[in-house]
Amino acid sequence: MTRTSFPVLRNKRICLLIAHPDDEAMFFSPTLLALTAPSLGNHIKILCLSTGNNDGLGAVRQRELVKSAELLGLRAPKEDVFVLDSPKFPDSMTANWLAEDVAEVLRSAFLPAHATGKRPGGKSSGSAEGPPEATIDVLLTFDRGGVSGHVNHISLYHGVKSWLESLMMGCEGWRCPVEMYTLTSTNIVRKYISILDAPISMLWGVARGVFKPQKGVGQRSSKGREGAMQSPPEKMLFVSDMAQYRIAQTAMTHGHKSQMRWFRWGWIGVGRYIVVNDLKREVIS
């Protein structure tokens, strides 16, 4: 199986938004190992909204995240991994993070300097006819199910949607400058059949015809081109080979040593997301 069989992202500024250190390895390893390939020309950053300090190991887990990111292919993990330590984002199975708080972090991080502090979406009031702007092209995160159902994961989805919808306020006819892709939540059976889920994901995607880039109609890009234009893929599928699978395991066992409890050994042994990722492009209204 080759990665070129399905669409990928090329020459993009990408942010992976996660809730806790180790999310990038447990859930997004196949995506990172694919998109960090030098031949694709992508620049990937990781933004983590908590230190994972529920057990008092926040400082340790921050360092572990940097080590894991390096193993998973980030070009400069010390510069491209950002971890927030804010009381607004506690590491908790019960605490919902407010969508507006998440949106404000993204607004501060990814709006051009000249656009901050203006309209709610971040667009300068002096460019009412111009396109919305951002300093990233793609944002990857969890879907509305959070994959594991963790409320912090789910909060990220709603926060990203809130930010991008505010970014597009008053910008009818323009394409959103940031494409949002979410990791698909599956049922419990598929979640624990490891590589065996790959053909299921491929057949499902082919049946729905979502692995082909589609034409956008009646929208303008940030460069002002009007009418039909090539749109990003509706869905992406990444399946790790054995070497990449071993790297993902190492990112957990060596990168996140403090988190290696018995159930995480089971996750990296039979969990689907350590081998297979399928991501869906979200529609921003």
C-alpha atoms as a PDB file:
ATOM      1  CA  MET A   1       0.000   0.000   0.000  1.00  0.00           C
ATOM      2  CA  THR A   2       1.336   3.447  -0.909  1.00  0.00           C
ATOM      3  CA  ARG A   3       0.319   6.776   0.514  1.00  0.00           C
ATOM      4  CA  THR A   4       0.064   8.275  -2.934  1.00  0.00           C
ATOM      5  CA  SER A   5      -3.078   6.184  -3.531  1.00  0.00           C
ATOM      6  CA  PHE A   6      -5.108   8.831  -1.705  1.00  0.00           C
ATOM      7  CA  PRO A   7      -4.933  12.619  -1.506  1.00  0.00           C
ATOM      8  CA  VAL A   8      -2.487  14.281   0.847  1.00  0.00           C
ATOM      9  CA  LEU A   9      -1.665  17.859   1.733  1.00  0.00           C
ATOM     10  CA  ARG A  10       1.342  19.524   0.134  1.00  0.00           C
ATOM     11  CA  ASN A  11       3.177  22.747   0.954  1.00  0.00           C
ATOM     12  CA  LYS A  12       0.763  23.647   3.752  1.00  0.00           C
ATOM     13  CA  ARG A  13       1.142  25.359   7.111  1.00  0.00           C
ATOM     14  CA  ILE A  14      -0.570  22.856   9.400  1.00  0.00           C
ATOM     15  CA  CYS A  15      -1.514  22.947  13.070  1.00  0.00           C
ATOM     16  CA  LEU A  16      -2.452  19.835  15.013  1.00  0.00           C
ATOM     17  CA  LEU A  17      -4.631  20.948  17.927  1.00  0.00           C
ATOM     18  CA  ILE A  18      -4.714  18.494  20.842  1.00  0.00           C
ATOM     19  CA  ALA A  19      -5.956  18.541  24.405  1.00  0.00           C
ATOM     20  CA  HIS A  20      -3.224  16.628  26.250  1.00  0.00           C
ATOM     21  CA  PRO A  21       0.381  15.579  25.773  1.00  0.00           C
ATOM     22  CA  ASP A  22       0.245  12.056  24.238  1.00  0.00           C
ATOM     23  CA  ASP A  23      -2.860  12.764  22.096  1.00  0.00           C
ATOM     24  CA  GLU A  24      -0.545  13.299  19.134  1.00  0.00           C
ATOM     25  CA  ALA A  25       0.926   9.789  19.514  1.00  0.00           C
ATOM     26  CA  MET A  26      -2.137   7.854  20.656  1.00  0.00           C
ATOM     27  CA  PHE A  27      -4.497   9.254  18.044  1.00  0.00           C
ATOM     28  CA  PHE A  28      -2.684  11.130  15.256  1.00  0.00           C
ATOM     29  CA  SER A  29       0.528   9.153  14.642  1.00  0.00           C
ATOM     30  CA  PRO A  30      -0.366   7.965  11.107  1.00  0.00           C
ATOM     31  CA  THR A  31      -1.294  11.516  10.101  1.00  0.00           C
ATOM     32  CA  LEU A  32       1.888  13.072  11.456  1.00  0.00           C
ATOM     33  CA  LEU A  33       4.135  10.375  10.009  1.00  0.00           C
ATOM     34  CA  ALA A  34       2.553  10.921   6.605  1.00  0.00           C
ATOM     35  CA  LEU A  35       2.325  14.708   6.470  1.00  0.00           C
ATOM     36  CA  THR A  36       5.799  15.369   7.875  1.00  0.00           C
ATOM     37  CA  ALA A  37       7.411  13.577   4.910  1.00  0.00           C
ATOM     38  CA  PRO A  38       9.992  16.077   3.540  1.00  0.00           C
ATOM     39  CA  SER A  39       8.815  15.505  -0.039  1.00  0.00           C
ATOM     40  CA  LEU A  40       5.428  17.038   0.804  1.00  0.00           C
ATOM     41  CA  GLY A  41       6.862  20.367   1.939  1.00  0.00           C
ATOM     42  CA  ASN A  42       4.485  20.827   4.858  1.00  0.00           C
ATOM     43  CA  HIS A  43       5.321  22.721   8.046  1.00  0.00           C
ATOM     44  CA  ILE A  44       3.518  21.223  11.016  1.00  0.00           C
ATOM     45  CA  LYS A  45       3.069  22.687  14.472  1.00  0.00           C
ATOM     46  CA  ILE A  46       1.404  21.125  17.506  1.00  0.00           C
ATOM     47  CA  LEU A  47      -0.685  23.236  19.871  1.00  0.00           C
ATOM     48  CA  CYS A  48      -1.674  21.491  23.109  1.00  0.00           C
ATOM     49  CA  LEU A  49      -4.168  23.289  25.329  1.00  0.00           C
ATOM     50  CA  SER A  50      -3.218  21.636  28.620  1.00  0.00           C
ATOM     51  CA  THR A  51      -0.122  20.278  30.315  1.00  0.00           C
ATOM     52  CA  GLY A  52      -1.939  17.091  31.300  1.00  0.00           C
ATOM     53  CA  ASN A  53      -1.293  17.944  34.922  1.00  0.00           C
ATOM     54  CA  ASN A  54      -4.105  15.850  36.377  1.00  0.00           C
ATOM     55  CA  ASP A  55      -1.543  13.657  38.169  1.00  0.00           C
ATOM     56  CA  GLY A  56       0.878  16.485  38.925  1.00  0.00           C
ATOM     57  CA  LEU A  57       3.170  15.583  36.010  1.00  0.00           C
ATOM     58  CA  GLY A  58       2.566  18.621  33.819  1.00  0.00           C
ATOM     59  CA  ALA A  59       6.214  19.650  33.454  1.00  0.00           C
ATOM     60  CA  VAL A  60       7.278  16.077  32.680  1.00  0.00           C
ATOM     61  CA  ARG A  61       4.531  15.631  30.105  1.00  0.00           C
ATOM     62  CA  GLN A  62       5.463  18.830  28.295  1.00  0.00           C
ATOM     63  CA  ARG A  63       8.986  17.511  27.773  1.00  0.00           C
ATOM     64  CA  GLU A  64       7.605  14.158  26.703  1.00  0.00           C
ATOM     65  CA  LEU A  65       5.440  15.809  24.070  1.00  0.00           C
ATOM     66  CA  VAL A  66       8.474  17.466  22.486  1.00  0.00           C
ATOM     67  CA  LYS A  67      10.325  14.138  22.376  1.00  0.00           C
ATOM     68  CA  SER A  68       7.330  12.360  20.857  1.00  0.00           C
ATOM     69  CA  ALA A  69       6.880  15.095  18.242  1.00  0.00           C
ATOM     70  CA  GLU A  70      10.491  14.674  17.180  1.00  0.00           C
ATOM     71  CA  LEU A  71      10.019  10.927  16.752  1.00  0.00           C
ATOM     72  CA  LEU A  72       6.866  11.542  14.710  1.00  0.00           C
ATOM     73  CA  GLY A  73       8.679  13.769  12.234  1.00  0.00           C
ATOM     74  CA  LEU A  74       8.308  17.420  13.264  1.00  0.00           C
ATOM     75  CA  ARG A  75      11.231  19.322  11.802  1.00  0.00           C
ATOM     76  CA  ALA A  76      11.921  21.528  14.840  1.00  0.00           C
ATOM     77  CA  PRO A  77       9.888  20.244  17.797  1.00  0.00           C
ATOM     78  CA  LYS A  78      11.357  22.642  20.340  1.00  0.00           C
ATOM     79  CA  GLU A  79      10.105  25.557  18.245  1.00  0.00           C
ATOM     80  CA  ASP A  80       6.979  23.958  16.778  1.00  0.00           C
ATOM     81  CA  VAL A  81       5.366  22.457  19.889  1.00  0.00           C
ATOM     82  CA  PHE A  82       3.351  24.823  22.081  1.00  0.00           C
ATOM     83  CA  VAL A  83       1.737  23.830  25.391  1.00  0.00           C
ATOM     84  CA  LEU A  84      -0.648  26.045  27.336  1.00  0.00           C
ATOM     85  CA  ASP A  85      -0.894  26.018  31.113  1.00  0.00           C
ATOM     86  CA  SER A  86      -4.138  27.830  31.841  1.00  0.00           C
ATOM     87  CA  PRO A  87      -6.854  27.359  34.484  1.00  0.00           C
ATOM     88  CA  LYS A  88      -9.344  27.690  31.625  1.00  0.00           C
ATOM     89  CA  PHE A  89      -8.227  24.313  30.285  1.00  0.00           C
ATOM     90  CA  PRO A  90      -7.946  21.791  33.150  1.00  0.00           C
ATOM     91  CA  ASP A  91      -7.032  18.199  32.318  1.00  0.00           C
ATOM     92  CA  SER A  92     -10.301  16.639  33.368  1.00  0.00           C
ATOM     93  CA  MET A  93     -12.727  13.938  32.241  1.00  0.00           C
ATOM     94  CA  THR A  94     -15.641  16.122  33.346  1.00  0.00           C
ATOM     95  CA  ALA A  95     -14.641  19.731  32.592  1.00  0.00           C
ATOM     96  CA  ASN A  96     -15.994  21.158  29.359  1.00  0.00           C
ATOM     97  CA  TRP A  97     -13.746  23.858  27.963  1.00  0.00           C
ATOM     98  CA  LEU A  98     -15.697  26.848  26.690  1.00  0.00           C
ATOM     99  CA  ALA A  99     -15.755  27.106  22.900  1.00  0.00           C
ATOM    100  CA  GLU A 100     -15.083  30.835  23.059  1.00  0.00           C
ATOM    101  CA  ASP A 101     -12.004  30.293  25.255  1.00  0.00           C
ATOM    102  CA  VAL A 102     -10.599  27.819  22.726  1.00  0.00           C
ATOM    103  CA  ALA A 103     -11.514  30.173  19.875  1.00  0.00           C
ATOM    104  CA  GLU A 104      -9.716  33.061  21.589  1.00  0.00           C
ATOM    105  CA  VAL A 105      -6.514  31.028  21.847  1.00  0.00           C
ATOM    106  CA  LEU A 106      -6.680  30.227  18.138  1.00  0.00           C
ATOM    107  CA  ARG A 107      -7.519  33.819  17.285  1.00  0.00           C
ATOM    108  CA  SER A 108      -4.470  35.041  19.195  1.00  0.00           C
ATOM    109  CA  ALA A 109      -2.190  32.387  17.738  1.00  0.00           C
ATOM    110  CA  PHE A 110      -3.150  32.347  14.080  1.00  0.00           C
ATOM    111  CA  LEU A 111      -4.379  35.752  13.010  1.00  0.00           C
ATOM    112  CA  PRO A 112      -1.949  38.060  11.205  1.00  0.00           C
ATOM    113  CA  ALA A 113      -0.593  40.842  13.391  1.00  0.00           C
ATOM    114  CA  HIS A 114      -2.446  43.534  11.443  1.00  0.00           C
ATOM    115  CA  ALA A 115      -5.769  41.711  11.920  1.00  0.00           C
ATOM    116  CA  THR A 116      -5.774  41.135  15.673  1.00  0.00           C
ATOM    117  CA  GLY A 117      -7.893  43.267  17.932  1.00  0.00           C
ATOM    118  CA  LYS A 118     -10.316  44.226  15.179  1.00  0.00           C
ATOM    119  CA  ARG A 119     -13.620  42.591  14.326  1.00  0.00           C
ATOM    120  CA  PRO A 120     -14.741  39.431  16.191  1.00  0.00           C
ATOM    121  CA  GLY A 121     -13.427  37.221  13.413  1.00  0.00           C
ATOM    122  CA  GLY A 122     -10.117  39.030  13.464  1.00  0.00           C
ATOM    123  CA  LYS A 123     -10.453  40.780  10.084  1.00  0.00           C
ATOM    124  CA  SER A 124      -9.340  44.362   9.868  1.00  0.00           C
ATOM    125  CA  SER A 125     -12.246  46.764   9.677  1.00  0.00           C
ATOM    126  CA  GLY A 126     -10.404  48.564   6.896  1.00  0.00           C
ATOM    127  CA  SER A 127     -10.614  45.566   4.549  1.00  0.00           C
ATOM    128  CA  ALA A 128     -14.330  44.860   4.434  1.00  0.00           C
ATOM    129  CA  GLU A 129     -14.117  43.705   0.810  1.00  0.00           C
ATOM    130  CA  GLY A 130     -10.964  41.671   1.276  1.00  0.00           C
ATOM    131  CA  PRO A 131     -10.540  38.016   2.186  1.00  0.00           C
ATOM    132  CA  PRO A 132     -10.307  36.626   5.717  1.00  0.00           C
ATOM    133  CA  GLU A 133      -6.738  35.806   6.694  1.00  0.00           C
ATOM    134  CA  ALA A 134      -4.833  33.405   8.928  1.00  0.00           C
ATOM    135  CA  THR A 135      -1.238  32.321   9.406  1.00  0.00           C
ATOM    136  CA  ILE A 136      -2.047  28.619   8.960  1.00  0.00           C
ATOM    137  CA  ASP A 137      -3.682  26.791   6.074  1.00  0.00           C
ATOM    138  CA  VAL A 138      -4.958  23.649   7.801  1.00  0.00           C
ATOM    139  CA  LEU A 139      -6.062  22.774  11.315  1.00  0.00           C
ATOM    140  CA  LEU A 140      -6.352  19.137  12.410  1.00  0.00           C
ATOM    141  CA  THR A 141      -8.220  18.063  15.538  1.00  0.00           C
ATOM    142  CA  PHE A 142     -10.818  15.675  16.968  1.00  0.00           C
ATOM    143  CA  ASP A 143     -14.357  15.394  15.638  1.00  0.00           C
ATOM    144  CA  ARG A 144     -17.527  16.055  17.639  1.00  0.00           C
ATOM    145  CA  GLY A 145     -17.277  12.558  19.164  1.00  0.00           C
ATOM    146  CA  GLY A 146     -13.758  13.141  20.450  1.00  0.00           C
ATOM    147  CA  VAL A 147     -12.690   9.607  19.340  1.00  0.00           C
ATOM    148  CA  SER A 148     -12.546   8.431  22.957  1.00  0.00           C
ATOM    149  CA  GLY A 149     -15.492  10.546  24.097  1.00  0.00           C
ATOM    150  CA  HIS A 150     -13.203  12.691  26.271  1.00  0.00           C
ATOM    151  CA  VAL A 151     -14.921  16.002  26.952  1.00  0.00           C
ATOM    152  CA  ASN A 152     -11.678  17.950  26.482  1.00  0.00           C
ATOM    153  CA  HIS A 153     -11.300  16.470  22.959  1.00  0.00           C
ATOM    154  CA  ILE A 154     -14.885  17.367  22.117  1.00  0.00           C
ATOM    155  CA  SER A 155     -14.335  20.912  23.371  1.00  0.00           C
ATOM    156  CA  LEU A 156     -11.579  21.395  20.785  1.00  0.00           C
ATOM    157  CA  TYR A 157     -13.969  20.594  17.954  1.00  0.00           C
ATOM    158  CA  HIS A 158     -16.497  23.179  19.093  1.00  0.00           C
ATOM    159  CA  GLY A 159     -13.796  25.766  19.762  1.00  0.00           C
ATOM    160  CA  VAL A 160     -12.304  25.444  16.281  1.00  0.00           C
ATOM    161  CA  LYS A 161     -15.731  25.682  14.675  1.00  0.00           C
ATOM    162  CA  SER A 162     -16.472  28.791  16.750  1.00  0.00           C
ATOM    163  CA  TRP A 163     -13.221  30.475  15.681  1.00  0.00           C
ATOM    164  CA  LEU A 164     -13.578  29.707  11.987  1.00  0.00           C
ATOM    165  CA  GLU A 165     -17.226  30.729  11.895  1.00  0.00           C
ATOM    166  CA  SER A 166     -16.315  34.046  13.515  1.00  0.00           C
ATOM    167  CA  LEU A 167     -13.456  34.430  11.035  1.00  0.00           C
ATOM    168  CA  MET A 168     -15.945  34.139   8.173  1.00  0.00           C
ATOM    169  CA  MET A 169     -18.436  36.650   9.562  1.00  0.00           C
ATOM    170  CA  GLY A 170     -19.197  39.219   6.859  1.00  0.00           C
ATOM    171  CA  CYS A 171     -17.086  37.318   4.318  1.00  0.00           C
ATOM    172  CA  GLU A 172     -19.776  35.726   2.187  1.00  0.00           C
ATOM    173  CA  GLY A 173     -18.418  34.492  -1.134  1.00  0.00           C
ATOM    174  CA  TRP A 174     -14.902  33.948   0.185  1.00  0.00           C
ATOM    175  CA  ARG A 175     -13.450  30.584   1.033  1.00  0.00           C
ATOM    176  CA  CYS A 176     -12.349  30.086   4.629  1.00  0.00           C
ATOM    177  CA  PRO A 177      -8.549  30.487   4.696  1.00  0.00           C
ATOM    178  CA  VAL A 178      -8.176  27.560   7.129  1.00  0.00           C
ATOM    179  CA  GLU A 179      -9.329  24.066   6.209  1.00  0.00           C
ATOM    180  CA  MET A 180     -10.526  22.111   9.247  1.00  0.00           C
ATOM    181  CA  TYR A 181      -9.999  18.348   9.225  1.00  0.00           C
ATOM    182  CA  THR A 182     -11.289  16.130  12.029  1.00  0.00           C
ATOM    183  CA  LEU A 183     -10.287  12.627  13.041  1.00  0.00           C
ATOM    184  CA  THR A 184     -13.231  10.274  12.572  1.00  0.00           C
ATOM    185  CA  SER A 185     -14.659   8.587  15.660  1.00  0.00           C
ATOM    186  CA  THR A 186     -15.589   4.937  15.148  1.00  0.00           C
ATOM    187  CA  ASN A 187     -17.539   2.312  17.048  1.00  0.00           C
ATOM    188  CA  ILE A 188     -15.820   0.264  19.735  1.00  0.00           C
ATOM    189  CA  VAL A 189     -15.314  -2.779  17.499  1.00  0.00           C
ATOM    190  CA  ARG A 190     -13.451  -0.839  14.807  1.00  0.00           C
ATOM    191  CA  LYS A 191     -11.514   1.059  17.454  1.00  0.00           C
ATOM    192  CA  TYR A 192      -9.779  -2.120  18.619  1.00  0.00           C
ATOM    193  CA  ILE A 193      -9.078  -4.107  15.440  1.00  0.00           C
ATOM    194  CA  SER A 194      -5.834  -2.309  14.582  1.00  0.00           C
ATOM    195  CA  ILE A 195      -4.695  -2.687  10.949  1.00  0.00           C
ATOM    196  CA  LEU A 196      -7.783  -4.754  10.127  1.00  0.00           C
ATOM    197  CA  ASP A 197      -9.748  -1.518  10.026  1.00  0.00           C
ATOM    198  CA  ALA A 198      -7.724  -0.229   7.049  1.00  0.00           C
ATOM    199  CA  PRO A 199      -9.742  -2.050   4.336  1.00  0.00           C
ATOM    200  CA  ILE A 200     -12.990  -1.050   6.050  1.00  0.00           C
ATOM    201  CA  SER A 201     -11.965   2.613   5.999  1.00  0.00           C
ATOM    202  CA  MET A 202     -10.809   2.399   2.370  1.00  0.00           C
ATOM    203  CA  LEU A 203     -13.961   0.678   1.130  1.00  0.00           C
ATOM    204  CA  TRP A 204     -16.156   3.128   3.015  1.00  0.00           C
ATOM    205  CA  GLY A 205     -14.307   6.076   1.551  1.00  0.00           C
ATOM    206  CA  VAL A 206     -14.343   4.739  -2.007  1.00  0.00           C
ATOM    207  CA  ALA A 207     -18.048   3.905  -1.747  1.00  0.00           C
ATOM    208  CA  ARG A 208     -18.797   7.484  -0.744  1.00  0.00           C
ATOM    209  CA  GLY A 209     -16.501   8.919  -3.411  1.00  0.00           C
ATOM    210  CA  VAL A 210     -14.770  11.215  -0.951  1.00  0.00           C
ATOM    211  CA  PHE A 211     -11.118  10.563  -1.745  1.00  0.00           C
ATOM    212  CA  LYS A 212     -11.142  12.772  -4.833  1.00  0.00           C
ATOM    213  CA  PRO A 213     -10.572  16.537  -4.713  1.00  0.00           C
ATOM    214  CA  GLN A 214     -13.701  18.377  -5.742  1.00  0.00           C
ATOM    215  CA  LYS A 215     -14.380  21.609  -7.553  1.00  0.00           C
ATOM    216  CA  GLY A 216     -15.486  24.594  -5.559  1.00  0.00           C
ATOM    217  CA  VAL A 217     -18.102  26.783  -7.191  1.00  0.00           C
ATOM    218  CA  GLY A 218     -18.831  30.444  -6.693  1.00  0.00           C
ATOM    219  CA  GLN A 219     -16.186  31.058  -4.046  1.00  0.00           C
ATOM    220  CA  ARG A 220     -13.097  33.225  -4.103  1.00  0.00           C
ATOM    221  CA  SER A 221      -9.805  32.156  -2.685  1.00  0.00           C
ATOM    222  CA  SER A 222      -7.697  34.474  -0.563  1.00  0.00           C
ATOM    223  CA  LYS A 223      -5.815  35.313  -3.760  1.00  0.00           C
ATOM    224  CA  GLY A 224      -8.967  36.558  -5.411  1.00  0.00           C
ATOM    225  CA  ARG A 225      -9.619  33.851  -8.005  1.00  0.00           C
ATOM    226  CA  GLU A 226     -13.336  33.517  -8.664  1.00  0.00           C
ATOM    227  CA  GLY A 227     -15.564  30.721  -9.869  1.00  0.00           C
ATOM    228  CA  ALA A 228     -14.645  27.040 -10.047  1.00  0.00           C
ATOM    229  CA  MET A 229     -11.329  26.071  -8.476  1.00  0.00           C
ATOM    230  CA  GLN A 230      -9.663  23.007  -7.080  1.00  0.00           C
ATOM    231  CA  SER A 231     -10.793  22.281  -3.538  1.00  0.00           C
ATOM    232  CA  PRO A 232      -8.921  20.284  -0.898  1.00  0.00           C
ATOM    233  CA  PRO A 233      -9.898  16.618  -0.532  1.00  0.00           C
ATOM    234  CA  GLU A 234     -13.086  15.937   1.373  1.00  0.00           C
ATOM    235  CA  LYS A 235     -11.411  13.084   3.230  1.00  0.00           C
ATOM    236  CA  MET A 236      -7.904  11.751   3.799  1.00  0.00           C
ATOM    237  CA  LEU A 237      -6.782   8.281   4.813  1.00  0.00           C
ATOM    238  CA  PHE A 238      -3.383   7.431   6.291  1.00  0.00           C
ATOM    239  CA  VAL A 239      -2.329   3.853   6.985  1.00  0.00           C
ATOM    240  CA  SER A 240       1.068   3.249   8.572  1.00  0.00           C
ATOM    241  CA  ASP A 241       3.395   0.528   7.332  1.00  0.00           C
ATOM    242  CA  MET A 242       5.261  -1.664   9.816  1.00  0.00           C
ATOM    243  CA  ALA A 243       8.201   0.724  10.176  1.00  0.00           C
ATOM    244  CA  GLN A 244       5.867   3.650  10.859  1.00  0.00           C
ATOM    245  CA  TYR A 245       3.845   1.546  13.283  1.00  0.00           C
ATOM    246  CA  ARG A 246       7.017   0.859  15.242  1.00  0.00           C
ATOM    247  CA  ILE A 247       7.834   4.580  15.300  1.00  0.00           C
ATOM    248  CA  ALA A 248       4.366   5.343  16.651  1.00  0.00           C
ATOM    249  CA  GLN A 249       4.792   2.729  19.363  1.00  0.00           C
ATOM    250  CA  THR A 250       8.163   4.216  20.278  1.00  0.00           C
ATOM    251  CA  ALA A 251       6.640   7.696  20.472  1.00  0.00           C
ATOM    252  CA  MET A 252       4.428   6.324  23.237  1.00  0.00           C
ATOM    253  CA  THR A 253       6.753   3.903  25.037  1.00  0.00           C
ATOM    254  CA  HIS A 254       9.851   6.133  24.952  1.00  0.00           C
ATOM    255  CA  GLY A 255       8.331   9.567  24.379  1.00  0.00           C
ATOM    256  CA  HIS A 256       5.560   9.306  26.963  1.00  0.00           C
ATOM    257  CA  LYS A 257       7.096   7.000  29.561  1.00  0.00           C
ATOM    258  CA  SER A 258       5.141   8.568  32.415  1.00  0.00           C
ATOM    259  CA  GLN A 259       1.859   7.529  30.786  1.00  0.00           C
ATOM    260  CA  MET A 260       2.586   3.881  30.034  1.00  0.00           C
ATOM    261  CA  ARG A 261      -0.038   2.176  32.182  1.00  0.00           C
ATOM    262  CA  TRP A 262      -1.472  -1.233  31.294  1.00  0.00           C
ATOM    263  CA  PHE A 263      -4.359   0.049  29.197  1.00  0.00           C
ATOM    264  CA  ARG A 264      -2.039   2.119  26.992  1.00  0.00           C
ATOM    265  CA  TRP A 265      -0.035  -1.014  26.199  1.00  0.00           C
ATOM    266  CA  GLY A 266      -3.303  -2.474  24.986  1.00  0.00           C
ATOM    267  CA  TRP A 267      -4.016   0.659  22.952  1.00  0.00           C
ATOM    268  CA  ILE A 268      -0.727   0.572  21.078  1.00  0.00           C
ATOM    269  CA  GLY A 269      -1.091  -3.167  20.573  1.00  0.00           C
ATOM    270  CA  VAL A 270      -4.599  -3.394  19.121  1.00  0.00           C
ATOM    271  CA  GLY A 271      -5.830   0.200  18.820  1.00  0.00           C
ATOM    272  CA  ARG A 272      -6.869   1.336  15.368  1.00  0.00           C
ATOM    273  CA  TYR A 273      -5.681   4.938  15.683  1.00  0.00           C
ATOM    274  CA  ILE A 274      -2.046   4.010  16.168  1.00  0.00           C
ATOM    275  CA  VAL A 275      -2.152   2.548  12.619  1.00  0.00           C
ATOM    276  CA  VAL A 276      -5.118   4.043  10.741  1.00  0.00           C
ATOM    277  CA  ASN A 277      -6.356   7.643  10.545  1.00  0.00           C
ATOM    278  CA  ASP A 278      -9.170   8.912   8.391  1.00  0.00           C
ATOM    279  CA  LEU A 279      -9.909  12.613   8.476  1.00  0.00           C
ATOM    280  CA  LYS A 280     -12.914  14.506   7.192  1.00  0.00           C
ATOM    281  CA  ARG A 281     -12.977  18.101   5.981  1.00  0.00           C
ATOM    282  CA  GLU A 282     -15.536  20.105   7.939  1.00  0.00           C
ATOM    283  CA  VAL A 283     -17.806  22.620   6.271  1.00  0.00           C
ATOM    284  CA  ILE A 284     -17.506  26.101   7.767  1.00  0.00           C
ATOM    285  CA  SER A 285     -20.620  28.202   7.292  1.00  0.00           C
END
